[in-house]
């Protein structure tokens, strides 16, 4: 396909101004100051999830000491609200003069790689007026996240059209929804439901969390005692940030090990914490004892036990059962029980988004992402000059965004030193016959959104360099040691 001149050319194009994209921009400014870059962001402001999600009570489900960037100390409570996170990100943008690199309101339509020119050509549309914009870039840094912001995942149940009230998904919470005096049913029991239920308790007539099966929850005070002690000792915030991060990461690695090696003990501890909040007579076996071992799905953190406090107050309740159909006045369960509702919230997950739903072509051939093999969960066979930020499931997303940032900047410098305009991941002969499997082992981690979208994702190989291992404790040392002249890197 022949294009006219580009409206803009940069060394690096960053897709998305969410937590990953702003981090990538910081790394470019500090580690590659002589290289040009731009961020294209579809929304009219930065923030990604923290801007598009506006349901009541939205907050992080990771602690901000590790979800915050490595380079900027977090000084607030560990579990933070969306406005607090946005304020933090805004400070990063202002303090590092990143705003001039961001083009808001630009939806990317296509990304075409030309091996002849060793360039990406990106065509975007200005959302304000539909004007087309063409950008060329030497390297593409995908920081768009991994789910569709426009629509969440809602299963189809019989009778949904008959319901007389409102059905809403948290991802598209309507501004005009008044919950005062309303009976609410929240379908789901993940982090979103666990956030939403205490946020609306006391503001509506009653809220019921309806789950098909239970979820594991952490509980604890929304304060980091180590951080507070160090502040009392007048330790510099930069030191506090690093010390607290290391302590949290060590604890997380130890907890993950225990989940694998002594799951029964961990289960007893988690359920014991729930029992402490809800009392000995509450039916924890039915409503809070999952069918799977801890950490096969993400654990939601419940700061100050607010979900359990809402249940204990009587303003919220939990029902465990299967939906048979929606009725005019609520939901009929297969057990025969009917839950009356004025508002039904489907906190049932999201739709996986692969490479931003952008149409990719490589030298004129449409890209099938699922045909590629991943290198360390960030580069892929058959896709030159491109890296993707995909964070951790069992630790904070941003930990990996920082690691990938260091790697990409080191790779860009290495390419320049070699005089290379192209780099592509190849499988060396010694790995040519390795078995290929799905992106993530479902026996290790199996949330619904991944199971529904696994066929869209790249394949993994038999050894850690050909996998997204989910192991920050190992990757923090392995990523800096990656040999950029190794046999899996083909330069041109």
Protein backbone atom coordinates (compact mmCIF):
# COMPACT_ATOMS: atom_id res chain seq x y z
CA UNK A 1 0.00 0.00 0.00
CA UNK A 2 1.41 3.41 -0.98
CA UNK A 3 1.12 6.29 1.45
CA UNK A 4 1.70 9.99 1.09
CA UNK A 5 4.02 11.84 3.47
CA UNK A 6 3.45 11.31 7.16
CA UNK A 7 2.03 14.05 9.37
CA UNK A 8 4.65 13.15 11.98
CA UNK A 9 7.71 10.92 12.21
CA UNK A 10 9.19 9.73 15.52
CA UNK A 11 11.74 7.19 16.64
CA UNK A 12 9.22 5.56 19.00
CA UNK A 13 5.42 5.62 19.02
CA UNK A 14 3.78 4.70 22.34
CA UNK A 15 0.19 3.47 22.19
CA UNK A 16 -1.90 4.57 25.17
CA UNK A 17 -1.53 7.10 28.00
CA UNK A 18 -2.53 4.81 30.83
CA UNK A 19 -0.28 3.59 33.63
CA UNK A 20 1.98 1.72 31.15
CA UNK A 21 2.19 4.45 28.52
CA UNK A 22 3.03 7.23 30.97
CA UNK A 23 5.72 4.97 32.45
CA UNK A 24 7.10 4.26 28.97
CA UNK A 25 7.24 8.01 28.26
CA UNK A 26 9.18 8.60 31.49
CA UNK A 27 11.72 5.94 30.52
CA UNK A 28 12.11 7.48 27.07
CA UNK A 29 12.69 10.94 28.55
CA UNK A 30 15.24 9.73 31.09
CA UNK A 31 16.98 6.85 29.32
CA UNK A 32 16.70 7.88 25.65
CA UNK A 33 16.67 11.69 25.80
CA UNK A 34 18.03 12.07 22.25
CA UNK A 35 15.27 9.95 20.68
CA UNK A 36 11.92 11.37 19.60
CA UNK A 37 8.64 9.84 20.75
CA UNK A 38 4.94 10.51 20.91
CA UNK A 39 1.99 8.92 22.72
CA UNK A 40 -1.28 8.45 20.87
CA UNK A 41 -4.23 8.17 23.28
CA UNK A 42 -7.83 7.52 22.28
CA UNK A 43 -9.37 9.24 25.32
CA UNK A 44 -9.31 12.99 25.85
CA UNK A 45 -7.10 12.66 28.91
CA UNK A 46 -4.57 10.31 30.51
CA UNK A 47 -5.29 7.52 32.94
CA UNK A 48 -6.68 4.59 30.99
CA UNK A 49 -8.74 2.42 33.34
CA UNK A 50 -8.71 5.08 36.03
CA UNK A 51 -10.44 7.50 33.67
CA UNK A 52 -12.84 5.22 31.80
CA UNK A 53 -14.11 3.29 34.85
CA UNK A 54 -16.44 5.44 36.94
CA UNK A 55 -18.46 3.02 39.02
CA UNK A 56 -18.94 3.81 42.73
CA UNK A 57 -15.89 3.22 44.89
CA UNK A 58 -13.43 2.40 42.10
CA UNK A 59 -10.03 1.76 43.63
CA UNK A 60 -6.86 -0.24 43.07
CA UNK A 61 -6.76 -3.91 44.00
CA UNK A 62 -2.97 -3.77 44.25
CA UNK A 63 -1.02 -1.76 46.79
CA UNK A 64 0.23 1.55 45.40
CA UNK A 65 3.70 1.07 46.85
CA UNK A 66 4.21 -1.49 44.06
CA UNK A 67 1.50 -0.38 41.63
CA UNK A 68 3.10 3.07 41.75
CA UNK A 69 6.13 3.60 39.58
CA UNK A 70 9.58 2.56 40.73
CA UNK A 71 10.83 6.11 40.16
CA UNK A 72 8.15 8.08 42.07
CA UNK A 73 7.39 7.39 45.74
CA UNK A 74 3.80 6.75 46.75
CA UNK A 75 2.95 8.51 50.01
CA UNK A 76 -0.77 7.76 50.43
CA UNK A 77 -2.72 4.74 51.66
CA UNK A 78 -1.80 1.43 50.01
CA UNK A 79 -5.21 0.90 48.38
CA UNK A 80 -6.01 4.10 46.52
CA UNK A 81 -9.05 5.58 44.80
CA UNK A 82 -9.13 6.40 41.10
CA UNK A 83 -8.85 10.18 41.75
CA UNK A 84 -5.77 9.59 43.92
CA UNK A 85 -4.14 7.46 41.22
CA UNK A 86 -4.95 10.03 38.53
CA UNK A 87 -3.45 12.79 40.66
CA UNK A 88 -0.27 10.72 41.05
CA UNK A 89 -0.06 10.10 37.29
CA UNK A 90 -0.69 13.78 36.61
CA UNK A 91 2.28 14.66 38.82
CA UNK A 92 4.49 12.27 36.83
CA UNK A 93 3.42 13.96 33.59
CA UNK A 94 3.99 17.47 34.95
CA UNK A 95 7.26 16.78 36.76
CA UNK A 96 8.80 15.17 33.69
CA UNK A 97 7.35 17.44 31.00
CA UNK A 98 5.57 14.54 29.33
CA UNK A 99 2.42 16.43 28.32
CA UNK A 100 3.96 17.85 25.14
CA UNK A 101 4.52 14.31 23.89
CA UNK A 102 0.89 13.18 24.25
CA UNK A 103 -1.72 13.47 21.49
CA UNK A 104 -5.14 12.93 23.05
CA UNK A 105 -8.28 12.00 21.12
CA UNK A 106 -6.44 9.86 18.55
CA UNK A 107 -7.88 6.40 17.83
CA UNK A 108 -5.43 4.17 15.98
CA UNK A 109 -7.01 2.28 13.09
CA UNK A 110 -4.13 0.49 11.38
CA UNK A 111 -0.46 -0.30 11.94
CA UNK A 112 1.54 -1.39 8.90
CA UNK A 113 5.14 -2.58 8.98
CA UNK A 114 7.27 -2.09 5.89
CA UNK A 115 10.41 -4.21 5.74
CA UNK A 116 11.58 -2.15 2.78
CA UNK A 117 11.54 1.08 4.79
CA UNK A 118 11.99 -0.50 8.24
CA UNK A 119 9.14 1.67 9.48
CA UNK A 120 5.75 1.40 11.09
CA UNK A 121 3.03 3.52 9.48
CA UNK A 122 0.18 4.21 11.86
CA UNK A 123 -3.10 5.65 10.68
CA UNK A 124 -5.23 7.26 13.38
CA UNK A 125 -8.49 9.15 13.52
CA UNK A 126 -9.05 12.28 15.56
CA UNK A 127 -12.13 11.47 17.59
CA UNK A 128 -13.24 15.11 17.67
CA UNK A 129 -13.70 15.57 13.92
CA UNK A 130 -12.81 12.31 12.17
CA UNK A 131 -9.65 13.74 10.59
CA UNK A 132 -7.12 11.07 9.60
CA UNK A 133 -3.58 11.39 10.89
CA UNK A 134 -0.59 9.38 9.66
CA UNK A 135 2.46 8.79 11.86
CA UNK A 136 5.59 6.86 10.98
CA UNK A 137 7.82 5.37 13.65
CA UNK A 138 10.90 3.24 13.87
CA UNK A 139 9.64 1.34 16.91
CA UNK A 140 6.17 0.61 18.29
CA UNK A 141 5.62 0.35 22.06
CA UNK A 142 2.18 -1.11 22.81
CA UNK A 143 0.90 0.15 26.17
CA UNK A 144 -2.83 -0.08 25.45
CA UNK A 145 -3.71 -2.60 28.17
CA UNK A 146 -5.49 -5.85 27.55
CA UNK A 147 -9.23 -5.26 27.55
CA UNK A 148 -11.81 -3.26 25.64
CA UNK A 149 -12.69 -0.02 27.42
CA UNK A 150 -15.86 0.54 25.39
CA UNK A 151 -17.75 -2.50 26.62
CA UNK A 152 -17.46 -5.00 29.44
CA UNK A 153 -18.29 -8.68 29.25
CA UNK A 154 -21.90 -9.53 30.03
CA UNK A 155 -23.17 -13.07 29.48
CA UNK A 156 -26.53 -13.55 27.80
CA UNK A 157 -29.24 -14.87 30.11
CA UNK A 158 -32.81 -15.74 29.17
CA UNK A 159 -35.34 -13.00 29.89
CA UNK A 160 -32.93 -10.06 30.05
CA UNK A 161 -35.23 -8.04 27.79
CA UNK A 162 -38.12 -8.63 30.20
CA UNK A 163 -36.44 -6.98 33.19
CA UNK A 164 -38.27 -3.74 34.03
CA UNK A 165 -35.32 -2.10 35.80
CA UNK A 166 -31.86 -1.12 34.55
CA UNK A 167 -29.01 -3.46 33.67
CA UNK A 168 -25.59 -1.81 33.83
CA UNK A 169 -22.00 -2.95 33.54
CA UNK A 170 -19.52 -1.28 35.93
CA UNK A 171 -17.25 -0.45 33.00
CA UNK A 172 -19.95 1.79 31.50
CA UNK A 173 -21.62 3.09 34.66
CA UNK A 174 -24.23 5.68 33.61
CA UNK A 175 -23.95 9.20 35.04
CA UNK A 176 -27.72 9.47 35.49
CA UNK A 177 -28.17 6.33 37.60
CA UNK A 178 -29.75 7.21 40.96
CA UNK A 179 -29.49 4.29 43.36
CA UNK A 180 -31.29 5.98 46.27
CA UNK A 181 -33.86 3.59 47.69
CA UNK A 182 -33.13 0.99 45.01
CA UNK A 183 -32.69 -2.75 45.41
CA UNK A 184 -29.45 -3.70 43.66
CA UNK A 185 -28.14 -7.09 42.61
CA UNK A 186 -24.45 -7.20 41.67
CA UNK A 187 -23.63 -10.31 39.63
CA UNK A 188 -20.06 -11.42 40.29
CA UNK A 189 -17.62 -11.65 43.18
CA UNK A 190 -14.32 -10.41 41.81
CA UNK A 191 -12.47 -7.23 42.68
CA UNK A 192 -15.05 -5.00 40.98
CA UNK A 193 -17.99 -6.49 42.86
CA UNK A 194 -16.04 -6.43 46.12
CA UNK A 195 -15.40 -2.72 45.56
CA UNK A 196 -18.88 -1.80 44.40
CA UNK A 197 -20.90 -3.55 47.12
CA UNK A 198 -19.50 -1.62 50.13
CA UNK A 199 -19.52 1.60 48.09
CA UNK A 200 -23.31 1.47 47.55
CA UNK A 201 -24.26 -0.09 50.90
CA UNK A 202 -26.24 2.44 52.89
CA UNK A 203 -26.94 4.53 49.80
CA UNK A 204 -29.43 2.07 48.31
CA UNK A 205 -32.23 0.07 49.96
CA UNK A 206 -30.19 -3.16 49.82
CA UNK A 207 -27.45 -4.70 47.69
CA UNK A 208 -26.99 -8.40 47.00
CA UNK A 209 -23.79 -9.88 45.64
CA UNK A 210 -24.88 -12.82 43.50
CA UNK A 211 -22.09 -15.24 42.70
CA UNK A 212 -21.97 -18.51 40.85
CA UNK A 213 -19.06 -19.60 43.03
CA UNK A 214 -17.01 -17.95 45.80
CA UNK A 215 -13.77 -15.98 45.53
CA UNK A 216 -10.78 -15.70 47.85
CA UNK A 217 -10.22 -12.34 49.53
CA UNK A 218 -7.37 -10.75 51.46
CA UNK A 219 -8.26 -8.48 54.33
CA UNK A 220 -6.19 -5.99 56.24
CA UNK A 221 -5.87 -2.40 57.32
CA UNK A 222 -5.46 0.15 54.56
CA UNK A 223 -2.16 1.30 55.96
CA UNK A 224 1.41 0.10 55.62
CA UNK A 225 2.83 -0.02 59.10
CA UNK A 226 6.44 -0.25 57.90
CA UNK A 227 6.03 2.90 55.81
CA UNK A 228 4.43 4.77 58.70
CA UNK A 229 7.18 3.69 61.10
CA UNK A 230 9.88 4.85 58.68
CA UNK A 231 8.11 8.19 58.29
CA UNK A 232 8.07 8.56 62.06
CA UNK A 233 11.84 8.05 61.92
CA UNK A 234 12.06 10.86 59.32
CA UNK A 235 13.45 8.54 56.64
CA UNK A 236 13.49 10.07 53.16
CA UNK A 237 10.41 9.11 51.06
CA UNK A 238 12.62 7.76 48.28
CA UNK A 239 14.17 5.30 50.72
CA UNK A 240 10.80 4.44 52.22
CA UNK A 241 9.41 3.70 48.76
CA UNK A 242 12.22 1.28 47.93
CA UNK A 243 12.29 -0.44 51.33
CA UNK A 244 8.51 -0.91 51.46
CA UNK A 245 8.38 -2.16 47.86
CA UNK A 246 11.04 -4.76 48.58
CA UNK A 247 9.24 -5.93 51.72
CA UNK A 248 5.90 -6.22 49.91
CA UNK A 249 7.47 -8.06 46.98
CA UNK A 250 9.23 -10.48 49.28
CA UNK A 251 5.99 -11.15 51.14
CA UNK A 252 4.11 -11.68 47.87
CA UNK A 253 6.70 -14.14 46.59
CA UNK A 254 6.55 -16.04 49.86
CA UNK A 255 2.75 -16.09 49.79
CA UNK A 256 2.74 -17.39 46.20
CA UNK A 257 5.15 -20.15 47.22
CA UNK A 258 2.91 -21.12 50.14
CA UNK A 259 -0.17 -21.18 47.90
CA UNK A 260 1.63 -23.71 45.74
CA UNK A 261 3.25 -25.80 48.47
CA UNK A 262 0.74 -25.63 51.33
CA UNK A 263 -2.60 -24.55 49.85
CA UNK A 264 -4.67 -26.04 52.69
CA UNK A 265 -2.93 -23.91 55.31
CA UNK A 266 -3.30 -20.76 53.22
CA UNK A 267 -6.98 -21.51 52.63
CA UNK A 268 -7.55 -21.92 56.36
CA UNK A 269 -5.86 -18.57 57.04
CA UNK A 270 -7.87 -16.71 54.41
CA UNK A 271 -11.17 -18.18 55.56
CA UNK A 272 -10.26 -17.54 59.18
CA UNK A 273 -9.96 -13.84 58.39
CA UNK A 274 -13.42 -13.85 56.82
CA UNK A 275 -14.84 -15.65 59.86
CA UNK A 276 -13.32 -13.04 62.15
CA UNK A 277 -15.36 -10.37 60.37
CA UNK A 278 -18.63 -12.26 59.88
CA UNK A 279 -18.76 -14.41 63.01
CA UNK A 280 -18.96 -18.15 63.61
CA UNK A 281 -22.60 -18.52 62.51
CA UNK A 282 -22.17 -17.12 59.01
CA UNK A 283 -22.23 -19.76 56.22
CA UNK A 284 -18.66 -19.30 55.05
CA UNK A 285 -18.56 -22.79 53.53
CA UNK A 286 -21.21 -21.81 50.99
CA UNK A 287 -20.39 -18.18 50.30
CA UNK A 288 -16.63 -17.72 50.82
CA UNK A 289 -14.98 -21.12 50.23
CA UNK A 290 -13.83 -21.34 46.58
CA UNK A 291 -13.58 -24.49 44.53
CA UNK A 292 -9.99 -23.77 43.49
CA UNK A 293 -6.72 -23.43 45.37
CA UNK A 294 -5.54 -19.91 46.28
CA UNK A 295 -3.99 -17.85 43.47
CA UNK A 296 -5.37 -19.80 40.53
CA UNK A 297 -7.36 -16.62 40.14
CA UNK A 298 -6.47 -13.14 41.32
CA UNK A 299 -7.08 -12.41 44.99
CA UNK A 300 -8.97 -9.20 45.72
CA UNK A 301 -7.76 -7.11 48.65
CA UNK A 302 -10.49 -5.87 50.98
CA UNK A 303 -9.12 -2.80 52.81
CA UNK A 304 -10.32 -2.57 56.40
CA UNK A 305 -12.67 -5.46 55.67
CA UNK A 306 -15.22 -3.07 54.14
CA UNK A 307 -17.03 -5.75 52.12
CA UNK A 308 -17.52 -7.87 55.22
CA UNK A 309 -18.54 -4.85 57.26
CA UNK A 310 -21.23 -4.11 54.68
CA UNK A 311 -22.53 -7.67 54.97
CA UNK A 312 -22.41 -7.62 58.77
CA UNK A 313 -24.41 -4.36 58.79
CA UNK A 314 -27.32 -6.00 57.02
CA UNK A 315 -27.18 -3.51 54.15
CA UNK A 316 -25.57 -6.10 51.89
CA UNK A 317 -25.87 -9.84 51.50
CA UNK A 318 -24.36 -12.67 49.47
CA UNK A 319 -26.27 -15.28 47.49
CA UNK A 320 -24.49 -18.21 45.85
CA UNK A 321 -26.35 -19.86 43.01
CA UNK A 322 -26.92 -20.25 39.29
CA UNK A 323 -29.08 -17.86 37.27
CA UNK A 324 -31.97 -19.53 35.47
CA UNK A 325 -33.44 -16.40 33.92
CA UNK A 326 -34.20 -12.74 34.39
CA UNK A 327 -37.77 -11.86 35.26
CA UNK A 328 -39.67 -8.59 35.12
CA UNK A 329 -38.81 -7.89 38.76
CA UNK A 330 -35.39 -9.47 39.19
CA UNK A 331 -33.52 -12.74 38.80
CA UNK A 332 -34.84 -16.29 39.10
CA UNK A 333 -32.22 -18.81 40.32
CA UNK A 334 -32.13 -22.50 39.44
CA UNK A 335 -32.85 -23.20 43.10
CA UNK A 336 -36.24 -21.52 42.70
CA UNK A 337 -35.27 -18.46 44.73
CA UNK A 338 -36.03 -15.07 43.18
CA UNK A 339 -33.97 -11.97 43.88
CA UNK A 340 -35.99 -8.80 43.45
CA UNK A 341 -34.10 -5.88 41.97
CA UNK A 342 -34.51 -2.40 40.55
CA UNK A 343 -30.95 -2.34 39.24
CA UNK A 344 -28.83 -5.29 38.12
CA UNK A 345 -25.08 -4.72 37.82
CA UNK A 346 -23.18 -7.24 35.72
CA UNK A 347 -19.72 -7.24 37.32
CA UNK A 348 -18.93 -10.23 35.14
CA UNK A 349 -15.56 -9.26 33.70
CA UNK A 350 -14.29 -7.73 30.52
CA UNK A 351 -13.54 -8.55 26.90
CA UNK A 352 -9.92 -9.25 26.08
CA UNK A 353 -8.40 -6.72 23.74
CA UNK A 354 -5.50 -7.92 21.61
CA UNK A 355 -3.11 -5.21 20.45
CA UNK A 356 -5.71 -2.50 20.92
CA UNK A 357 -8.09 -3.97 18.30
CA UNK A 358 -5.80 -2.34 15.73
CA UNK A 359 -5.53 -3.91 12.27
CA UNK A 360 -1.87 -4.95 11.99
CA UNK A 361 -0.15 -5.93 8.75
CA UNK A 362 3.43 -7.07 8.30
CA UNK A 363 4.77 -6.40 4.81
CA UNK A 364 1.24 -6.48 3.44
CA UNK A 365 0.12 -9.64 5.27
CA UNK A 366 -2.52 -9.33 8.02
CA UNK A 367 -1.09 -10.30 11.39
CA UNK A 368 -2.52 -13.29 13.25
CA UNK A 369 -1.21 -12.60 16.72
CA UNK A 370 -2.08 -16.11 17.88
CA UNK A 371 0.38 -17.54 15.33
CA UNK A 372 3.33 -15.84 17.01
CA UNK A 373 5.49 -17.11 19.87
CA UNK A 374 6.24 -14.82 22.77
CA UNK A 375 9.69 -13.83 23.96
CA UNK A 376 9.44 -13.02 27.68
CA UNK A 377 5.83 -11.91 27.22
CA UNK A 378 6.90 -8.64 25.57
CA UNK A 379 8.19 -9.35 22.03
CA UNK A 380 6.90 -11.81 19.46
CA UNK A 381 8.18 -13.83 16.53
CA UNK A 382 7.30 -12.33 13.16
CA UNK A 383 6.65 -8.80 14.49
CA UNK A 384 9.68 -6.53 14.01
CA UNK A 385 10.41 -3.45 16.13
CA UNK A 386 7.53 -3.89 18.54
CA UNK A 387 7.21 -4.49 22.29
CA UNK A 388 4.04 -5.02 24.33
CA UNK A 389 3.54 -4.27 28.01
CA UNK A 390 1.53 -7.04 29.67
CA UNK A 391 1.85 -6.89 33.45
CA UNK A 392 1.62 -9.40 36.25
CA UNK A 393 -1.46 -11.23 37.49
CA UNK A 394 -0.13 -12.00 40.95
CA UNK A 395 1.71 -8.75 41.51
CA UNK A 396 1.27 -5.14 40.45
CA UNK A 397 1.03 -4.47 36.72
CA UNK A 398 3.44 -1.55 36.92
CA UNK A 399 6.31 -3.68 38.21
CA UNK A 400 6.54 -5.30 34.80
CA UNK A 401 5.91 -2.03 32.96
CA UNK A 402 9.08 -0.66 34.57
CA UNK A 403 11.08 -3.79 33.69
CA UNK A 404 9.90 -3.66 30.07
CA UNK A 405 10.73 0.06 30.01
CA UNK A 406 14.34 -0.62 30.97
CA UNK A 407 14.57 -3.43 28.41
CA UNK A 408 13.11 -1.43 25.50
CA UNK A 409 15.40 1.55 26.16
CA UNK A 410 18.43 -0.74 26.36
CA UNK A 411 17.35 -2.42 23.11
CA UNK A 412 16.92 0.94 21.34
CA UNK A 413 20.43 2.00 22.36
CA UNK A 414 21.81 -1.36 21.27
CA UNK A 415 20.18 -1.05 17.85
CA UNK A 416 21.62 2.41 17.39
CA UNK A 417 25.10 1.22 18.42
CA UNK A 418 24.90 -1.59 15.87
CA UNK A 419 23.52 0.67 13.17
CA UNK A 420 20.45 -1.59 13.02
CA UNK A 421 17.05 -0.27 12.00
CA UNK A 422 15.27 -3.55 12.53
CA UNK A 423 15.10 -6.21 15.24
CA UNK A 424 12.96 -9.30 15.21
CA UNK A 425 12.60 -12.26 17.55
CA UNK A 426 13.45 -15.61 15.96
CA UNK A 427 13.43 -19.10 17.42
CA UNK A 428 17.00 -20.46 17.19
CA UNK A 429 17.65 -23.96 15.81
CA UNK A 430 18.14 -25.49 19.25
CA UNK A 431 14.57 -24.50 20.16
CA UNK A 432 12.99 -25.22 16.79
CA UNK A 433 11.26 -28.42 17.95
CA UNK A 434 10.12 -27.21 21.36
CA UNK A 435 6.42 -27.86 22.06
CA UNK A 436 4.18 -24.78 21.88
CA UNK A 437 1.28 -24.28 24.25
CA UNK A 438 -1.29 -21.65 25.17
CA UNK A 439 -0.11 -18.26 26.50
CA UNK A 440 -0.84 -19.16 30.14
CA UNK A 441 -1.11 -22.59 31.76
CA UNK A 442 -4.76 -22.79 32.93
CA UNK A 443 -3.68 -25.05 35.78
CA UNK A 444 -1.61 -22.15 37.06
CA UNK A 445 -3.95 -19.20 36.41
CA UNK A 446 -7.41 -19.34 34.85
CA UNK A 447 -9.64 -16.25 35.15
CA UNK A 448 -12.63 -16.16 32.83
CA UNK A 449 -11.40 -13.34 30.58
CA UNK A 450 -8.23 -15.28 29.75
CA UNK A 451 -10.05 -18.55 29.19
CA UNK A 452 -12.50 -16.81 26.82
CA UNK A 453 -9.73 -15.08 24.88
CA UNK A 454 -6.80 -17.54 25.03
CA UNK A 455 -7.20 -18.40 21.34
CA UNK A 456 -6.35 -14.78 20.48
CA UNK A 457 -3.03 -14.72 22.32
CA UNK A 458 0.48 -15.83 21.26
CA UNK A 459 1.90 -19.23 22.05
CA UNK A 460 4.48 -19.99 24.74
CA UNK A 461 7.43 -22.31 24.55
CA UNK A 462 9.04 -24.75 26.94
CA UNK A 463 11.56 -22.51 28.72
CA UNK A 464 11.23 -19.20 30.60
CA UNK A 465 12.55 -17.00 27.77
CA UNK A 466 9.63 -18.19 25.62
CA UNK A 467 6.99 -17.55 28.29
CA UNK A 468 5.29 -14.84 30.32
CA UNK A 469 6.33 -16.44 33.60
CA UNK A 470 4.47 -14.14 36.02
CA UNK A 471 7.53 -14.28 38.26
CA UNK A 472 8.70 -10.77 39.15
CA UNK A 473 11.14 -12.06 41.74
CA UNK A 474 13.07 -13.85 38.96
CA UNK A 475 12.45 -11.37 36.12
CA UNK A 476 13.82 -8.37 38.02
CA UNK A 477 17.24 -10.04 37.71
CA UNK A 478 16.72 -11.86 34.40
CA UNK A 479 15.55 -8.89 32.30
CA UNK A 480 18.71 -6.78 32.85
CA UNK A 481 20.80 -9.84 31.98
CA UNK A 482 19.11 -10.54 28.62
CA UNK A 483 21.85 -10.89 26.00
CA UNK A 484 20.79 -8.56 23.20
CA UNK A 485 23.25 -10.31 20.89
CA UNK A 486 21.74 -13.69 21.70
CA UNK A 487 20.52 -16.04 18.94
CA UNK A 488 16.87 -15.02 19.38
CA UNK A 489 17.56 -11.43 18.24
CA UNK A 490 17.83 -10.93 14.47
CA UNK A 491 18.99 -7.44 13.44
CA UNK A 492 18.94 -5.75 10.07
